[in-house]
Amino acid sequence: MADLFVVSSAEHFKALGHPLRQRLLFALGQEAATISQLATMLGTAKGNVAHHLGVLRDAGMVQPAGTRQVRGGTEQYYQRAARKFDFVGEGARANNTVTLQAVGAELLTADDDPMVILRNIRLTREQVAELSDHLRQIVDGLTDAGPGESRYGVLVSVYRPRQV
């Protein structure tokens, strides 16, 4: 698995245009999974997962990662193409809306009470830059605890609403 995948083309953003595709990338996280495993994790039909996984595969965001023998056949494992996805270009802003829809769906099915904090505060540009750098360092500095541990989503955003 590569360290970074730069999402920049229209094909990439189109592939991420459905919340389930984003949730598939969340679910794959650091380890490979089969269509059956993903369908169970996300509470949806295997055919639905297979279709959306195919779109991500065609865009190069997901790749095959081995097989396993099961009764009557072989199941394909899939993994993310990279550990981290960086969104750049014209489609990045529109992608945020779909990402937030996907996170909202994740929050609805979360095992524990998720921590969500939304605060509006007046800041200087310097404070915004310092806050953004600090949050980026915290998230980038997190180390994956390994396959035996629970998966958590971390969403961090600093934004300035449209001024009236």
Protein backbone atom coordinates (compact mmCIF):
# COMPACT_ATOMS: atom_id res chain seq x y z
CA MET A 1 0.00 0.00 0.00
CA ALA A 2 1.38 3.41 -0.95
CA ASP A 3 1.61 6.16 1.65
CA LEU A 4 -0.24 8.85 -0.37
CA PHE A 5 -2.83 8.94 -3.17
CA VAL A 6 -3.43 12.38 -4.66
CA VAL A 7 -7.10 12.75 -5.60
CA SER A 8 -7.08 15.37 -8.33
CA SER A 9 -8.76 14.21 -11.54
CA ALA A 10 -12.41 14.37 -12.52
CA GLU A 11 -12.41 10.53 -12.58
CA HIS A 12 -11.20 10.41 -8.97
CA PHE A 13 -13.81 12.87 -7.71
CA LYS A 14 -16.56 11.14 -9.69
CA ALA A 15 -15.57 7.84 -8.06
CA LEU A 16 -15.92 9.47 -4.65
CA GLY A 17 -19.30 11.01 -5.55
CA HIS A 18 -21.31 8.49 -3.53
CA PRO A 19 -21.17 8.31 0.30
CA LEU A 20 -20.96 4.49 0.26
CA ARG A 21 -17.74 4.65 -1.75
CA GLN A 22 -16.23 6.92 0.85
CA ARG A 23 -17.43 4.57 3.60
CA LEU A 24 -15.76 1.68 1.76
CA LEU A 25 -12.48 3.57 1.89
CA PHE A 26 -13.05 4.24 5.61
CA ALA A 27 -13.80 0.55 6.24
CA LEU A 28 -10.73 -0.64 4.37
CA GLY A 29 -8.61 1.67 6.51
CA GLN A 30 -5.36 -0.16 7.17
CA GLU A 31 -6.34 -3.74 6.33
CA ALA A 32 -7.79 -5.66 3.41
CA ALA A 33 -11.32 -7.09 3.43
CA THR A 34 -13.62 -9.15 1.22
CA ILE A 35 -16.92 -8.01 -0.28
CA SER A 36 -18.76 -10.16 2.30
CA GLN A 37 -16.83 -8.62 5.18
CA LEU A 38 -17.41 -5.10 3.88
CA ALA A 39 -21.14 -5.75 3.36
CA THR A 40 -21.42 -6.92 6.98
CA MET A 41 -19.42 -3.96 8.31
CA LEU A 42 -21.49 -1.42 6.39
CA GLY A 43 -24.86 -3.13 6.72
CA THR A 44 -25.59 -3.31 3.00
CA ALA A 45 -25.96 -5.94 0.27
CA LYS A 46 -22.91 -7.66 -1.25
CA GLY A 47 -24.02 -6.63 -4.75
CA ASN A 48 -24.11 -3.00 -3.67
CA VAL A 49 -20.60 -3.27 -2.20
CA ALA A 50 -19.31 -5.07 -5.31
CA HIS A 51 -20.63 -2.35 -7.61
CA HIS A 52 -19.20 0.57 -5.63
CA LEU A 53 -15.92 -1.25 -4.98
CA GLY A 54 -15.60 -1.74 -8.74
CA VAL A 55 -15.95 2.00 -9.33
CA LEU A 56 -13.20 2.68 -6.76
CA ARG A 57 -11.02 -0.06 -8.32
CA ASP A 58 -11.46 1.40 -11.82
CA ALA A 59 -10.35 4.82 -10.47
CA GLY A 60 -7.24 3.24 -8.93
CA MET A 61 -8.27 3.94 -5.31
CA VAL A 62 -8.77 0.29 -4.35
CA GLN A 63 -6.78 -2.73 -5.48
CA PRO A 64 -6.94 -6.52 -5.16
CA ALA A 65 -4.96 -7.86 -2.18
CA GLY A 66 -5.10 -11.65 -2.36
CA THR A 67 -7.77 -14.34 -2.17
CA ARG A 68 -9.14 -16.93 0.22
CA GLN A 69 -10.91 -20.21 -0.42
CA VAL A 70 -14.48 -20.44 0.87
CA ARG A 71 -17.21 -23.03 0.37
CA GLY A 72 -17.83 -23.26 -3.33
CA GLY A 73 -15.41 -20.58 -4.48
CA THR A 74 -12.77 -17.99 -3.91
CA GLU A 75 -13.22 -14.62 -2.24
CA GLN A 76 -11.15 -11.64 -3.33
CA TYR A 77 -9.61 -9.32 -0.72
CA TYR A 78 -9.39 -5.61 -1.49
CA GLN A 79 -7.30 -2.88 0.05
CA ARG A 80 -6.96 0.87 -0.33
CA ALA A 81 -4.38 2.05 -2.83
CA ALA A 82 -2.85 4.30 -0.17
CA ARG A 83 -2.88 4.94 3.55
CA LYS A 84 -3.72 8.63 3.07
CA PHE A 85 -5.76 10.43 0.39
CA ASP A 86 -4.97 14.08 -0.35
CA PHE A 87 -7.68 16.07 -2.15
CA VAL A 88 -6.55 18.84 -4.51
CA GLY A 89 -8.04 20.76 -7.40
CA GLU A 90 -11.50 21.88 -8.41
CA GLY A 91 -13.36 18.81 -7.15
CA ALA A 92 -11.96 18.94 -3.62
CA ARG A 93 -14.53 21.37 -2.23
CA ALA A 94 -17.53 19.53 -3.70
CA ASN A 95 -16.09 16.27 -2.35
CA ASN A 96 -16.35 17.66 1.21
CA THR A 97 -20.15 17.49 1.08
CA VAL A 98 -20.13 13.80 0.13
CA THR A 99 -17.46 13.08 2.76
CA LEU A 100 -19.64 14.69 5.43
CA GLN A 101 -22.63 12.61 4.27
CA ALA A 102 -20.48 9.48 4.60
CA VAL A 103 -19.28 10.51 8.07
CA GLY A 104 -22.90 11.22 9.05
CA ALA A 105 -23.85 7.66 8.03
CA GLU A 106 -20.90 6.34 10.06
CA LEU A 107 -22.02 8.34 13.11
CA LEU A 108 -25.53 6.87 12.87
CA THR A 109 -24.12 3.34 13.17
CA ALA A 110 -21.27 4.07 15.62
CA ASP A 111 -20.85 1.57 18.46
CA ASP A 112 -20.14 4.17 21.12
CA ASP A 113 -21.30 7.73 21.60
CA PRO A 114 -19.11 9.60 19.13
CA MET A 115 -17.41 12.81 20.17
CA VAL A 116 -18.50 15.66 17.90
CA ILE A 117 -17.63 19.24 18.73
CA LEU A 118 -18.72 22.19 16.62
CA ARG A 119 -17.65 25.61 17.73
CA ASN A 120 -17.78 28.97 16.00
CA ILE A 121 -15.15 31.41 17.21
CA ARG A 122 -13.51 34.56 15.89
CA LEU A 123 -9.82 34.02 15.08
CA THR A 124 -7.06 35.95 13.39
CA ARG A 125 -5.46 34.49 10.25
CA GLU A 126 -2.38 33.69 12.35
CA GLN A 127 -4.50 31.79 14.89
CA VAL A 128 -6.16 29.83 12.08
CA ALA A 129 -2.79 28.89 10.61
CA GLU A 130 -1.49 27.82 14.04
CA LEU A 131 -4.64 25.82 14.82
CA SER A 132 -4.61 24.11 11.41
CA ASP A 133 -0.94 23.17 11.74
CA HIS A 134 -1.46 21.87 15.27
CA LEU A 135 -4.46 19.72 14.31
CA ARG A 136 -2.63 18.36 11.24
CA GLN A 137 0.34 17.38 13.42
CA ILE A 138 -1.92 15.60 15.91
CA VAL A 139 -3.74 13.58 13.23
CA ASP A 140 -0.62 12.84 11.16
CA GLY A 141 1.20 11.78 14.34
CA LEU A 142 -1.32 9.09 15.26
CA THR A 143 0.02 5.55 14.96
CA ASP A 144 -2.24 2.71 13.92
CA ALA A 145 -2.61 0.26 16.83
CA GLY A 146 -2.84 -2.77 14.54
CA PRO A 147 -5.39 -5.29 13.25
CA GLY A 148 -6.59 -6.44 16.67
CA GLU A 149 -7.84 -3.01 17.72
CA SER A 150 -11.09 -1.19 16.93
CA ARG A 151 -11.30 1.15 13.96
CA TYR A 152 -12.05 4.82 14.68
CA GLY A 153 -12.82 7.69 12.33
CA VAL A 154 -11.15 11.04 12.86
CA LEU A 155 -12.53 14.07 11.05
CA VAL A 156 -10.89 17.45 11.55
CA SER A 157 -11.90 20.67 9.84
CA VAL A 158 -11.21 24.34 10.23
CA TYR A 159 -13.35 26.49 7.95
CA ARG A 160 -14.64 30.01 7.65
CA PRO A 161 -18.35 30.31 6.86
CA ARG A 162 -19.39 32.71 4.15
CA GLN A 163 -19.41 36.27 5.45
CA VAL A 164 -22.55 38.40 5.07
